Amino acid sequence: MDQLAAMAAFVRAVESGSLSAAARALPSSLTSVSRQISALEQHFGTRLLLRTTRRLALTDDGRILYERAKSILGEVKEIEAALSRDPHQPSGRIRVSSPSLIGRLVISPLLVGFLRRYPALAVDLLLIDRAVDMVEEDIHLAIRIGRLRDSQLVTRRLTDLQMIVCASPDYLARHGAPRTPNDLATHDCLVFSDSPGSAAWRFGNGTKSGRKVRISGRLWMNSLDALVGAARDGAGIVRAPSWQVQTDLANGRLKRLLIDHEPAPTPLHLTFQPSRLASPKIRAFVDYLVEQWGRIDAFRAPMARS
């Protein structure tokens, strides 16, 4: 059995939903695809697929093989590309995931220069506000906010993010400024609904983890951009990354609140799997992003506490 071919047939069958669709896509015969998957099941001594008249379903062992096989096939393609092209000219496609706000406002503008520098590379930028499974979703690099739990990943720390609370002078003139985090219970807070535990904001209390304070809010949105815009218009108090509201604070459209209660900064990492480390295209992207990051004004120096 050609295990790589069998795994390719298996992965294609899972993704297309049927053996016949996999046969058409490969292209191959239905008999050949069926034999390859049966051979895999015999080789590993376990059932991988549950076949019904309408669809295919993965067993638990089948899901494990699907995730690993997809990663293996991706690495094989990278090896082929690296050996068949100029080693000094990275090539291929890079799949990068990023939180949507950072991806749209920071990463996306940097990609123009990256693609111009490396004409044989293509980038697939995925704006995802959740933790991704880099193996299952075939992600080459991920930008992640917060402390990392997966010690098997290779990381490059890009910066620290400071979450701050702010409101417009108009809102503060009408409602007054909160003196402590507990005062937020009587204010109109603007809530980012895509964040887990969004009904509570974290503040510092001398420890790394800080403490959570429940807030009161009537306006919820799944866009931080829109929430900051609403705060500028006087709708309430918003909690946002300092780099996002830096300009608004400098020109007086927003005022920083509860400075003495701010939580510890949150790290921002660029992460990738150890197996990707030797890939020229991954090294090129990592080096470029780290190089350009130091030139972004919003991240170059800490904000003044005023």
C-alpha atoms as a PDB file:
ATOM      1  CA  MET A   1       0.000   0.000   0.000  1.00  0.00           C
ATOM      2  CA  ASP A   2       1.175   3.504  -0.869  1.00  0.00           C
ATOM      3  CA  GLN A   3       0.369   5.098   2.482  1.00  0.00           C
ATOM      4  CA  LEU A   4       0.630   8.677   1.239  1.00  0.00           C
ATOM      5  CA  ALA A   5      -1.774   7.991  -1.625  1.00  0.00           C
ATOM      6  CA  ALA A   6      -4.118   6.157   0.730  1.00  0.00           C
ATOM      7  CA  MET A   7      -4.067   9.028   3.220  1.00  0.00           C
ATOM      8  CA  ALA A   8      -4.705  11.502   0.405  1.00  0.00           C
ATOM      9  CA  ALA A   9      -7.733   9.458  -0.680  1.00  0.00           C
ATOM     10  CA  PHE A  10      -8.956   9.255   2.914  1.00  0.00           C
ATOM     11  CA  VAL A  11      -8.598  13.008   3.513  1.00  0.00           C
ATOM     12  CA  ARG A  12     -10.327  13.822   0.227  1.00  0.00           C
ATOM     13  CA  ALA A  13     -13.188  11.439   1.048  1.00  0.00           C
ATOM     14  CA  VAL A  14     -13.721  13.086   4.438  1.00  0.00           C
ATOM     15  CA  GLU A  15     -13.665  16.597   2.986  1.00  0.00           C
ATOM     16  CA  SER A  16     -15.875  15.823  -0.008  1.00  0.00           C
ATOM     17  CA  GLY A  17     -18.335  13.742   1.985  1.00  0.00           C
ATOM     18  CA  SER A  18     -18.368  10.618  -0.172  1.00  0.00           C
ATOM     19  CA  LEU A  19     -16.074   8.104  -1.810  1.00  0.00           C
ATOM     20  CA  SER A  20     -17.447   8.846  -5.270  1.00  0.00           C
ATOM     21  CA  ALA A  21     -16.809  12.589  -4.871  1.00  0.00           C
ATOM     22  CA  ALA A  22     -13.278  11.843  -3.683  1.00  0.00           C
ATOM     23  CA  ALA A  23     -12.695   9.619  -6.719  1.00  0.00           C
ATOM     24  CA  ARG A  24     -13.799  12.401  -9.073  1.00  0.00           C
ATOM     25  CA  ALA A  25     -11.610  14.996  -7.346  1.00  0.00           C
ATOM     26  CA  LEU A  26      -8.380  12.978  -7.205  1.00  0.00           C
ATOM     27  CA  PRO A  27      -9.067  11.783 -10.037  1.00  0.00           C
ATOM     28  CA  SER A  28      -9.312   8.036  -9.477  1.00  0.00           C
ATOM     29  CA  SER A  29     -11.815   5.220  -9.599  1.00  0.00           C
ATOM     30  CA  LEU A  30     -14.371   4.580  -6.886  1.00  0.00           C
ATOM     31  CA  THR A  31     -13.003   1.056  -6.494  1.00  0.00           C
ATOM     32  CA  SER A  32      -9.455   2.336  -5.986  1.00  0.00           C
ATOM     33  CA  VAL A  33     -10.488   4.881  -3.348  1.00  0.00           C
ATOM     34  CA  SER A  34     -12.537   2.277  -1.493  1.00  0.00           C
ATOM     35  CA  ARG A  35      -9.619  -0.190  -1.525  1.00  0.00           C
ATOM     36  CA  GLN A  36      -7.152   2.431  -0.276  1.00  0.00           C
ATOM     37  CA  ILE A  37      -9.349   3.337   2.698  1.00  0.00           C
ATOM     38  CA  SER A  38      -9.984  -0.320   3.494  1.00  0.00           C
ATOM     39  CA  ALA A  39      -6.228  -0.909   3.368  1.00  0.00           C
ATOM     40  CA  LEU A  40      -5.694   1.913   5.860  1.00  0.00           C
ATOM     41  CA  GLU A  41      -8.259   0.387   8.205  1.00  0.00           C
ATOM     42  CA  GLN A  42      -6.555  -2.989   7.953  1.00  0.00           C
ATOM     43  CA  HIS A  43      -3.116  -1.444   8.459  1.00  0.00           C
ATOM     44  CA  PHE A  44      -4.106   0.441  11.608  1.00  0.00           C
ATOM     45  CA  GLY A  45      -6.458  -2.266  12.811  1.00  0.00           C
ATOM     46  CA  THR A  46      -9.382   0.060  13.424  1.00  0.00           C
ATOM     47  CA  ARG A  47     -12.504   1.421  11.748  1.00  0.00           C
ATOM     48  CA  LEU A  48     -11.956   4.887  10.320  1.00  0.00           C
ATOM     49  CA  LEU A  49     -15.222   5.664   8.547  1.00  0.00           C
ATOM     50  CA  LEU A  50     -18.854   4.842   9.150  1.00  0.00           C
ATOM     51  CA  ARG A  51     -20.505   4.531   5.756  1.00  0.00           C
ATOM     52  CA  THR A  52     -24.217   5.213   5.265  1.00  0.00           C
ATOM     53  CA  THR A  53     -26.256   5.600   2.091  1.00  0.00           C
ATOM     54  CA  ARG A  54     -26.132   9.394   2.383  1.00  0.00           C
ATOM     55  CA  ARG A  55     -22.824  10.367   3.937  1.00  0.00           C
ATOM     56  CA  LEU A  56     -19.584   9.392   5.635  1.00  0.00           C
ATOM     57  CA  ALA A  57     -18.963   9.841   9.338  1.00  0.00           C
ATOM     58  CA  LEU A  58     -15.601   9.732  11.105  1.00  0.00           C
ATOM     59  CA  THR A  59     -14.982   7.418  14.015  1.00  0.00           C
ATOM     60  CA  ASP A  60     -12.867   8.715  16.904  1.00  0.00           C
ATOM     61  CA  ASP A  61      -9.806   6.959  15.446  1.00  0.00           C
ATOM     62  CA  GLY A  62     -10.728   8.257  12.018  1.00  0.00           C
ATOM     63  CA  ARG A  63     -10.736  11.845  13.280  1.00  0.00           C
ATOM     64  CA  ILE A  64      -7.267  11.387  14.763  1.00  0.00           C
ATOM     65  CA  LEU A  65      -5.954  10.020  11.471  1.00  0.00           C
ATOM     66  CA  TYR A  66      -7.687  12.752   9.449  1.00  0.00           C
ATOM     67  CA  GLU A  67      -6.049  15.541  11.483  1.00  0.00           C
ATOM     68  CA  ARG A  68      -2.595  13.957  11.341  1.00  0.00           C
ATOM     69  CA  ALA A  69      -2.823  12.884   7.709  1.00  0.00           C
ATOM     70  CA  LYS A  70      -3.832  16.371   6.626  1.00  0.00           C
ATOM     71  CA  SER A  71      -0.806  17.820   8.406  1.00  0.00           C
ATOM     72  CA  ILE A  72       1.528  15.179   6.950  1.00  0.00           C
ATOM     73  CA  LEU A  73       0.293  15.758   3.394  1.00  0.00           C
ATOM     74  CA  GLY A  74       0.775  19.498   3.835  1.00  0.00           C
ATOM     75  CA  GLU A  75       4.356  18.988   4.974  1.00  0.00           C
ATOM     76  CA  VAL A  76       5.047  16.707   2.010  1.00  0.00           C
ATOM     77  CA  LYS A  77       3.861  19.449  -0.343  1.00  0.00           C
ATOM     78  CA  GLU A  78       6.163  21.923   1.374  1.00  0.00           C
ATOM     79  CA  ILE A  79       9.108  19.565   0.999  1.00  0.00           C
ATOM     80  CA  GLU A  80       8.361  19.089  -2.684  1.00  0.00           C
ATOM     81  CA  ALA A  81       8.160  22.837  -3.192  1.00  0.00           C
ATOM     82  CA  ALA A  82      11.386  23.457  -1.289  1.00  0.00           C
ATOM     83  CA  LEU A  83      13.319  20.859  -3.278  1.00  0.00           C
ATOM     84  CA  SER A  84      11.941  21.752  -6.681  1.00  0.00           C
ATOM     85  CA  ARG A  85      12.469  25.525  -6.534  1.00  0.00           C
ATOM     86  CA  ASP A  86      15.226  27.990  -5.805  1.00  0.00           C
ATOM     87  CA  PRO A  87      15.937  27.558  -2.075  1.00  0.00           C
ATOM     88  CA  HIS A  88      16.633  31.270  -1.830  1.00  0.00           C
ATOM     89  CA  GLN A  89      13.164  32.103  -3.185  1.00  0.00           C
ATOM     90  CA  PRO A  90      10.389  30.954  -0.778  1.00  0.00           C
ATOM     91  CA  SER A  91       7.267  29.752  -2.555  1.00  0.00           C
ATOM     92  CA  GLY A  92       3.853  28.305  -1.870  1.00  0.00           C
ATOM     93  CA  ARG A  93       0.822  29.322   0.183  1.00  0.00           C
ATOM     94  CA  ILE A  94       0.835  30.378   3.852  1.00  0.00           C
ATOM     95  CA  ARG A  95      -2.305  30.088   5.985  1.00  0.00           C
ATOM     96  CA  VAL A  96      -2.273  32.641   8.803  1.00  0.00           C
ATOM     97  CA  SER A  97      -4.957  33.134  11.450  1.00  0.00           C
ATOM     98  CA  SER A  98      -5.374  36.315  13.464  1.00  0.00           C
ATOM     99  CA  PRO A  99      -7.926  37.965  15.741  1.00  0.00           C
ATOM    100  CA  SER A 100     -10.139  39.948  13.387  1.00  0.00           C
ATOM    101  CA  LEU A 101      -9.321  43.452  14.620  1.00  0.00           C
ATOM    102  CA  ILE A 102      -5.521  43.003  14.606  1.00  0.00           C
ATOM    103  CA  GLY A 103      -5.719  41.103  11.337  1.00  0.00           C
ATOM    104  CA  ARG A 104      -7.699  43.791   9.585  1.00  0.00           C
ATOM    105  CA  LEU A 105      -5.999  46.897  10.957  1.00  0.00           C
ATOM    106  CA  VAL A 106      -2.416  45.666  11.472  1.00  0.00           C
ATOM    107  CA  ILE A 107      -1.597  42.445   9.624  1.00  0.00           C
ATOM    108  CA  SER A 108      -3.493  43.063   6.390  1.00  0.00           C
ATOM    109  CA  PRO A 109      -1.694  46.363   5.547  1.00  0.00           C
ATOM    110  CA  LEU A 110       1.670  44.627   6.058  1.00  0.00           C
ATOM    111  CA  LEU A 111       0.889  41.898   3.537  1.00  0.00           C
ATOM    112  CA  VAL A 112       1.227  44.203   0.539  1.00  0.00           C
ATOM    113  CA  GLY A 113       4.942  44.674   1.184  1.00  0.00           C
ATOM    114  CA  PHE A 114       5.401  40.984   2.007  1.00  0.00           C
ATOM    115  CA  LEU A 115       3.862  39.807  -1.266  1.00  0.00           C
ATOM    116  CA  ARG A 116       5.893  42.357  -3.183  1.00  0.00           C
ATOM    117  CA  ARG A 117       9.095  41.092  -1.560  1.00  0.00           C
ATOM    118  CA  TYR A 118       8.245  37.408  -2.188  1.00  0.00           C
ATOM    119  CA  PRO A 119       6.453  37.106  -5.548  1.00  0.00           C
ATOM    120  CA  ALA A 120       6.314  33.288  -5.380  1.00  0.00           C
ATOM    121  CA  LEU A 121       4.352  33.295  -2.104  1.00  0.00           C
ATOM    122  CA  ALA A 122       0.608  33.561  -1.492  1.00  0.00           C
ATOM    123  CA  VAL A 123      -1.070  34.310   1.852  1.00  0.00           C
ATOM    124  CA  ASP A 124      -4.446  33.135   3.105  1.00  0.00           C
ATOM    125  CA  LEU A 125      -5.303  35.414   6.069  1.00  0.00           C
ATOM    126  CA  LEU A 126      -8.105  34.073   8.272  1.00  0.00           C
ATOM    127  CA  LEU A 127      -9.735  36.562  10.661  1.00  0.00           C
ATOM    128  CA  ILE A 128     -10.941  34.365  13.511  1.00  0.00           C
ATOM    129  CA  ASP A 129     -11.831  35.498  17.038  1.00  0.00           C
ATOM    130  CA  ARG A 130     -11.275  32.116  18.677  1.00  0.00           C
ATOM    131  CA  ALA A 131      -8.442  29.724  19.401  1.00  0.00           C
ATOM    132  CA  VAL A 132      -7.717  27.643  16.300  1.00  0.00           C
ATOM    133  CA  ASP A 133      -6.563  24.038  16.111  1.00  0.00           C
ATOM    134  CA  MET A 134      -3.503  24.549  13.943  1.00  0.00           C
ATOM    135  CA  VAL A 135      -3.244  20.888  12.926  1.00  0.00           C
ATOM    136  CA  GLU A 136      -6.913  20.203  12.208  1.00  0.00           C
ATOM    137  CA  GLU A 137      -7.474  23.501  10.399  1.00  0.00           C
ATOM    138  CA  ASP A 138      -4.138  23.377   8.544  1.00  0.00           C
ATOM    139  CA  ILE A 139      -2.950  26.729   9.920  1.00  0.00           C
ATOM    140  CA  HIS A 140       0.745  27.451   9.361  1.00  0.00           C
ATOM    141  CA  LEU A 141       0.994  30.446  11.695  1.00  0.00           C
ATOM    142  CA  ALA A 142      -1.380  31.929  14.251  1.00  0.00           C
ATOM    143  CA  ILE A 143      -1.385  35.251  16.053  1.00  0.00           C
ATOM    144  CA  ARG A 144      -2.683  34.674  19.552  1.00  0.00           C
ATOM    145  CA  ILE A 145      -3.591  36.998  22.409  1.00  0.00           C
ATOM    146  CA  GLY A 146      -2.933  35.869  25.965  1.00  0.00           C
ATOM    147  CA  ARG A 147      -0.756  33.313  27.674  1.00  0.00           C
ATOM    148  CA  LEU A 148      -0.239  30.119  25.701  1.00  0.00           C
ATOM    149  CA  ARG A 149      -1.134  26.716  27.068  1.00  0.00           C
ATOM    150  CA  ASP A 150       0.209  24.566  24.222  1.00  0.00           C
ATOM    151  CA  SER A 151       3.911  24.173  25.067  1.00  0.00           C
ATOM    152  CA  GLN A 152       4.543  22.246  21.832  1.00  0.00           C
ATOM    153  CA  LEU A 153       4.215  25.384  19.729  1.00  0.00           C
ATOM    154  CA  VAL A 154       7.126  27.603  18.738  1.00  0.00           C
ATOM    155  CA  THR A 155       6.405  31.224  19.671  1.00  0.00           C
ATOM    156  CA  ARG A 156       7.711  34.704  18.968  1.00  0.00           C
ATOM    157  CA  ARG A 157       6.467  37.407  21.316  1.00  0.00           C
ATOM    158  CA  LEU A 158       5.449  40.419  19.259  1.00  0.00           C
ATOM    159  CA  THR A 159       4.296  42.868  21.938  1.00  0.00           C
ATOM    160  CA  ASP A 160       2.143  43.344  25.022  1.00  0.00           C
ATOM    161  CA  LEU A 161      -1.426  44.610  24.725  1.00  0.00           C
ATOM    162  CA  GLN A 162      -2.912  46.921  27.330  1.00  0.00           C
ATOM    163  CA  MET A 163      -6.681  46.944  27.712  1.00  0.00           C
ATOM    164  CA  ILE A 164      -7.984  50.309  28.857  1.00  0.00           C
ATOM    165  CA  VAL A 165     -11.372  51.784  29.763  1.00  0.00           C
ATOM    166  CA  CYS A 166     -12.415  55.090  28.218  1.00  0.00           C
ATOM    167  CA  ALA A 167     -15.377  57.297  27.359  1.00  0.00           C
ATOM    168  CA  SER A 168     -16.103  60.554  25.551  1.00  0.00           C
ATOM    169  CA  PRO A 169     -16.043  63.931  27.352  1.00  0.00           C
ATOM    170  CA  ASP A 170     -19.737  64.299  26.460  1.00  0.00           C
ATOM    171  CA  TYR A 171     -20.683  61.070  28.235  1.00  0.00           C
ATOM    172  CA  LEU A 172     -18.587  61.958  31.282  1.00  0.00           C
ATOM    173  CA  ALA A 173     -20.173  65.423  31.466  1.00  0.00           C
ATOM    174  CA  ARG A 174     -23.624  63.819  31.610  1.00  0.00           C
ATOM    175  CA  HIS A 175     -22.888  60.820  33.846  1.00  0.00           C
ATOM    176  CA  GLY A 176     -19.666  61.559  35.684  1.00  0.00           C
ATOM    177  CA  ALA A 177     -16.526  59.435  35.732  1.00  0.00           C
ATOM    178  CA  PRO A 178     -16.317  56.125  37.617  1.00  0.00           C
ATOM    179  CA  ARG A 179     -13.874  56.285  40.527  1.00  0.00           C
ATOM    180  CA  THR A 180     -13.521  52.519  41.014  1.00  0.00           C
ATOM    181  CA  PRO A 181     -14.310  49.479  38.831  1.00  0.00           C
ATOM    182  CA  ASN A 182     -17.354  48.747  41.018  1.00  0.00           C
ATOM    183  CA  ASP A 183     -18.880  52.058  39.875  1.00  0.00           C
ATOM    184  CA  LEU A 184     -19.309  50.580  36.384  1.00  0.00           C
ATOM    185  CA  ALA A 185     -22.439  48.806  37.625  1.00  0.00           C
ATOM    186  CA  THR A 186     -24.262  52.161  37.433  1.00  0.00           C
ATOM    187  CA  HIS A 187     -22.888  53.212  34.029  1.00  0.00           C
ATOM    188  CA  ASP A 188     -23.723  52.396  30.404  1.00  0.00           C
ATOM    189  CA  CYS A 189     -20.926  50.056  29.388  1.00  0.00           C
ATOM    190  CA  LEU A 190     -20.428  49.086  25.743  1.00  0.00           C
ATOM    191  CA  VAL A 191     -19.948  45.325  25.553  1.00  0.00           C
ATOM    192  CA  PHE A 192     -17.970  43.295  22.994  1.00  0.00           C
ATOM    193  CA  SER A 193     -20.267  40.300  22.587  1.00  0.00           C
ATOM    194  CA  ASP A 194     -17.753  38.029  20.811  1.00  0.00           C
ATOM    195  CA  SER A 195     -15.494  37.867  23.859  1.00  0.00           C
ATOM    196  CA  PRO A 196     -16.017  35.010  26.362  1.00  0.00           C
ATOM    197  CA  GLY A 197     -17.235  36.335  29.708  1.00  0.00           C
ATOM    198  CA  SER A 198     -17.999  39.704  28.143  1.00  0.00           C
ATOM    199  CA  ALA A 199     -20.343  40.741  30.979  1.00  0.00           C
ATOM    200  CA  ALA A 200     -17.327  41.088  33.290  1.00  0.00           C
ATOM    201  CA  TRP A 201     -14.179  43.166  32.802  1.00  0.00           C
ATOM    202  CA  ARG A 202     -10.824  42.280  34.349  1.00  0.00           C
ATOM    203  CA  PHE A 203      -8.969  44.838  36.455  1.00  0.00           C
ATOM    204  CA  GLY A 204      -5.685  44.790  38.321  1.00  0.00           C
ATOM    205  CA  ASN A 205      -5.402  44.090  42.022  1.00  0.00           C
ATOM    206  CA  GLY A 206      -1.675  43.477  42.413  1.00  0.00           C
ATOM    207  CA  THR A 207      -1.740  39.938  41.022  1.00  0.00           C
ATOM    208  CA  LYS A 208      -1.153  38.564  37.535  1.00  0.00           C
ATOM    209  CA  SER A 209      -4.704  37.315  37.160  1.00  0.00           C
ATOM    210  CA  GLY A 210      -6.333  40.446  38.594  1.00  0.00           C
ATOM    211  CA  ARG A 211     -10.032  40.419  39.413  1.00  0.00           C
ATOM    212  CA  LYS A 212     -13.212  40.427  37.380  1.00  0.00           C
ATOM    213  CA  VAL A 213     -15.912  43.035  37.877  1.00  0.00           C
ATOM    214  CA  ARG A 214     -19.414  42.622  36.513  1.00  0.00           C
ATOM    215  CA  ILE A 215     -20.554  45.533  34.372  1.00  0.00           C
ATOM    216  CA  SER A 216     -23.886  46.970  33.319  1.00  0.00           C
ATOM    217  CA  GLY A 217     -24.515  47.514  29.622  1.00  0.00           C
ATOM    218  CA  ARG A 218     -27.414  48.047  27.234  1.00  0.00           C
ATOM    219  CA  LEU A 219     -25.467  48.107  23.971  1.00  0.00           C
ATOM    220  CA  TRP A 220     -23.732  44.907  22.833  1.00  0.00           C
ATOM    221  CA  MET A 221     -21.868  44.506  19.534  1.00  0.00           C
ATOM    222  CA  ASN A 222     -19.563  41.918  17.961  1.00  0.00           C
ATOM    223  CA  SER A 223     -17.330  44.658  16.515  1.00  0.00           C
ATOM    224  CA  LEU A 224     -14.817  46.578  18.621  1.00  0.00           C
ATOM    225  CA  ASP A 225     -14.568  49.188  15.865  1.00  0.00           C
ATOM    226  CA  ALA A 226     -18.280  49.880  16.149  1.00  0.00           C
ATOM    227  CA  LEU A 227     -18.129  49.981  19.948  1.00  0.00           C
ATOM    228  CA  VAL A 228     -15.299  52.525  19.923  1.00  0.00           C
ATOM    229  CA  GLY A 229     -17.303  54.594  17.445  1.00  0.00           C
ATOM    230  CA  ALA A 230     -20.300  54.473  19.767  1.00  0.00           C
ATOM    231  CA  ALA A 231     -18.089  55.551  22.667  1.00  0.00           C
ATOM    232  CA  ARG A 232     -16.867  58.545  20.645  1.00  0.00           C
ATOM    233  CA  ASP A 233     -20.520  59.483  20.081  1.00  0.00           C
ATOM    234  CA  GLY A 234     -21.202  59.437  23.818  1.00  0.00           C
ATOM    235  CA  ALA A 235     -23.093  56.140  24.077  1.00  0.00           C
ATOM    236  CA  GLY A 236     -21.129  54.850  27.054  1.00  0.00           C
ATOM    237  CA  ILE A 237     -17.889  53.476  28.432  1.00  0.00           C
ATOM    238  CA  VAL A 238     -15.820  51.120  26.266  1.00  0.00           C
ATOM    239  CA  ARG A 239     -12.967  48.732  27.036  1.00  0.00           C
ATOM    240  CA  ALA A 240     -10.523  48.384  24.133  1.00  0.00           C
ATOM    241  CA  PRO A 241      -6.848  47.776  23.323  1.00  0.00           C
ATOM    242  CA  SER A 242      -4.786  50.911  23.894  1.00  0.00           C
ATOM    243  CA  TRP A 243      -3.341  50.834  20.363  1.00  0.00           C
ATOM    244  CA  GLN A 244      -6.840  51.002  18.886  1.00  0.00           C
ATOM    245  CA  VAL A 245      -7.887  54.164  20.750  1.00  0.00           C
ATOM    246  CA  GLN A 246      -4.490  55.874  20.926  1.00  0.00           C
ATOM    247  CA  THR A 247      -5.417  58.520  18.356  1.00  0.00           C
ATOM    248  CA  ASP A 248      -8.807  59.203  19.950  1.00  0.00           C
ATOM    249  CA  LEU A 249      -7.131  59.730  23.328  1.00  0.00           C
ATOM    250  CA  ALA A 250      -4.490  62.027  21.849  1.00  0.00           C
ATOM    251  CA  ASN A 251      -7.026  64.286  20.149  1.00  0.00           C
ATOM    252  CA  GLY A 252      -9.426  64.335  23.109  1.00  0.00           C
ATOM    253  CA  ARG A 253     -12.317  62.416  21.577  1.00  0.00           C
ATOM    254  CA  LEU A 254     -11.963  59.834  24.362  1.00  0.00           C
ATOM    255  CA  LYS A 255     -10.718  60.090  27.943  1.00  0.00           C
ATOM    256  CA  ARG A 256      -8.859  57.286  29.720  1.00  0.00           C
ATOM    257  CA  LEU A 257     -10.524  56.057  32.932  1.00  0.00           C
ATOM    258  CA  LEU A 258      -9.593  53.928  35.961  1.00  0.00           C
ATOM    259  CA  ILE A 259      -5.884  54.102  35.137  1.00  0.00           C
ATOM    260  CA  ASP A 260      -4.792  52.898  38.570  1.00  0.00           C
ATOM    261  CA  HIS A 261      -6.947  49.783  38.223  1.00  0.00           C
ATOM    262  CA  GLU A 262      -5.774  48.617  34.804  1.00  0.00           C
ATOM    263  CA  PRO A 263      -4.850  44.920  34.534  1.00  0.00           C
ATOM    264  CA  ALA A 264      -1.405  43.635  33.650  1.00  0.00           C
ATOM    265  CA  PRO A 265      -0.622  43.743  29.905  1.00  0.00           C
ATOM    266  CA  THR A 266      -1.555  40.703  27.818  1.00  0.00           C
ATOM    267  CA  PRO A 267       1.128  39.186  25.550  1.00  0.00           C
ATOM    268  CA  LEU A 268       0.617  38.889  21.811  1.00  0.00           C
ATOM    269  CA  HIS A 269       2.436  35.941  20.192  1.00  0.00           C
ATOM    270  CA  LEU A 270       3.119  34.637  16.730  1.00  0.00           C
ATOM    271  CA  THR A 271       2.936  30.837  16.962  1.00  0.00           C
ATOM    272  CA  PHE A 272       3.692  27.916  14.657  1.00  0.00           C
ATOM    273  CA  GLN A 273       4.342  24.196  14.849  1.00  0.00           C
ATOM    274  CA  PRO A 274       7.946  22.992  15.364  1.00  0.00           C
ATOM    275  CA  SER A 275       7.718  20.943  12.167  1.00  0.00           C
ATOM    276  CA  ARG A 276       7.257  24.181  10.195  1.00  0.00           C
ATOM    277  CA  LEU A 277      10.435  25.769  11.527  1.00  0.00           C
ATOM    278  CA  ALA A 278      12.644  24.677   8.643  1.00  0.00           C
ATOM    279  CA  SER A 279      10.205  25.819   5.957  1.00  0.00           C
ATOM    280  CA  PRO A 280      11.638  28.784   3.991  1.00  0.00           C
ATOM    281  CA  LYS A 281       8.209  30.360   3.566  1.00  0.00           C
ATOM    282  CA  ILE A 282       7.505  30.213   7.310  1.00  0.00           C
ATOM    283  CA  ARG A 283      10.892  31.708   8.165  1.00  0.00           C
ATOM    284  CA  ALA A 284      10.304  34.451   5.603  1.00  0.00           C
ATOM    285  CA  PHE A 285       6.923  35.394   7.086  1.00  0.00           C
ATOM    286  CA  VAL A 286       8.120  35.301  10.694  1.00  0.00           C
ATOM    287  CA  ASP A 287      11.188  37.417   9.968  1.00  0.00           C
ATOM    288  CA  TYR A 288       9.170  39.921   7.936  1.00  0.00           C
ATOM    289  CA  LEU A 289       6.440  40.311  10.560  1.00  0.00           C
ATOM    290  CA  VAL A 290       8.931  40.786  13.411  1.00  0.00           C
ATOM    291  CA  GLU A 291      10.881  43.298  11.295  1.00  0.00           C
ATOM    292  CA  GLN A 292       7.786  45.327  10.423  1.00  0.00           C
ATOM    293  CA  TRP A 293       6.207  45.148  13.862  1.00  0.00           C
ATOM    294  CA  GLY A 294       8.863  47.382  15.370  1.00  0.00           C
ATOM    295  CA  ARG A 295       7.932  50.108  12.871  1.00  0.00           C
ATOM    296  CA  ILE A 296       4.239  50.303  13.820  1.00  0.00           C
ATOM    297  CA  ASP A 297       3.783  53.541  15.747  1.00  0.00           C
ATOM    298  CA  ALA A 298       0.965  52.211  17.956  1.00  0.00           C
ATOM    299  CA  PHE A 299       3.286  49.522  19.367  1.00  0.00           C
ATOM    300  CA  ARG A 300       6.611  51.332  19.491  1.00  0.00           C
ATOM    301  CA  ALA A 301       6.327  52.843  22.959  1.00  0.00           C
ATOM    302  CA  PRO A 302       4.081  52.524  26.011  1.00  0.00           C
ATOM    303  CA  MET A 303       1.190  54.957  26.264  1.00  0.00           C
ATOM    304  CA  ALA A 304       1.426  57.843  28.691  1.00  0.00           C
ATOM    305  CA  ARG A 305      -0.713  57.266  31.770  1.00  0.00           C
ATOM    306  CA  SER A 306      -2.826  60.372  31.325  1.00  0.00           C
END
